[in-house]
């Protein structure tokens, strides 16, 4: 069963010993949820992809990981960090632009 994160939940990321604290739930879509988080004093976005289908889940994870390690054009929002893949899902840390949430869930 998919559970939303409570405010104050600490999320650990894969690289740089980075952690973020959930501040609030923002939106939910077909593949997951979007949260406003605080990471090292900066307001950012956590896109949490819930486990839906093993094939698509792995594709989402590897695509996001690839964008993290090989950034594309700067006009696109790309992940700044990623969590480990788990049975419940995985998360990507993204910048919040001008106080707006850009999510395509």
Foldseek 3Di string as FASTA:
>chain_A
DADDDDFQDWDAFDPPRWIWTFHAWDDADDFFTKTFIATPNATWIKTWGFDDDVVVQVVVVVVLVCCCVPPDDPVDWHFVTKHDQDNGTIITITGAPPVHDDDDD
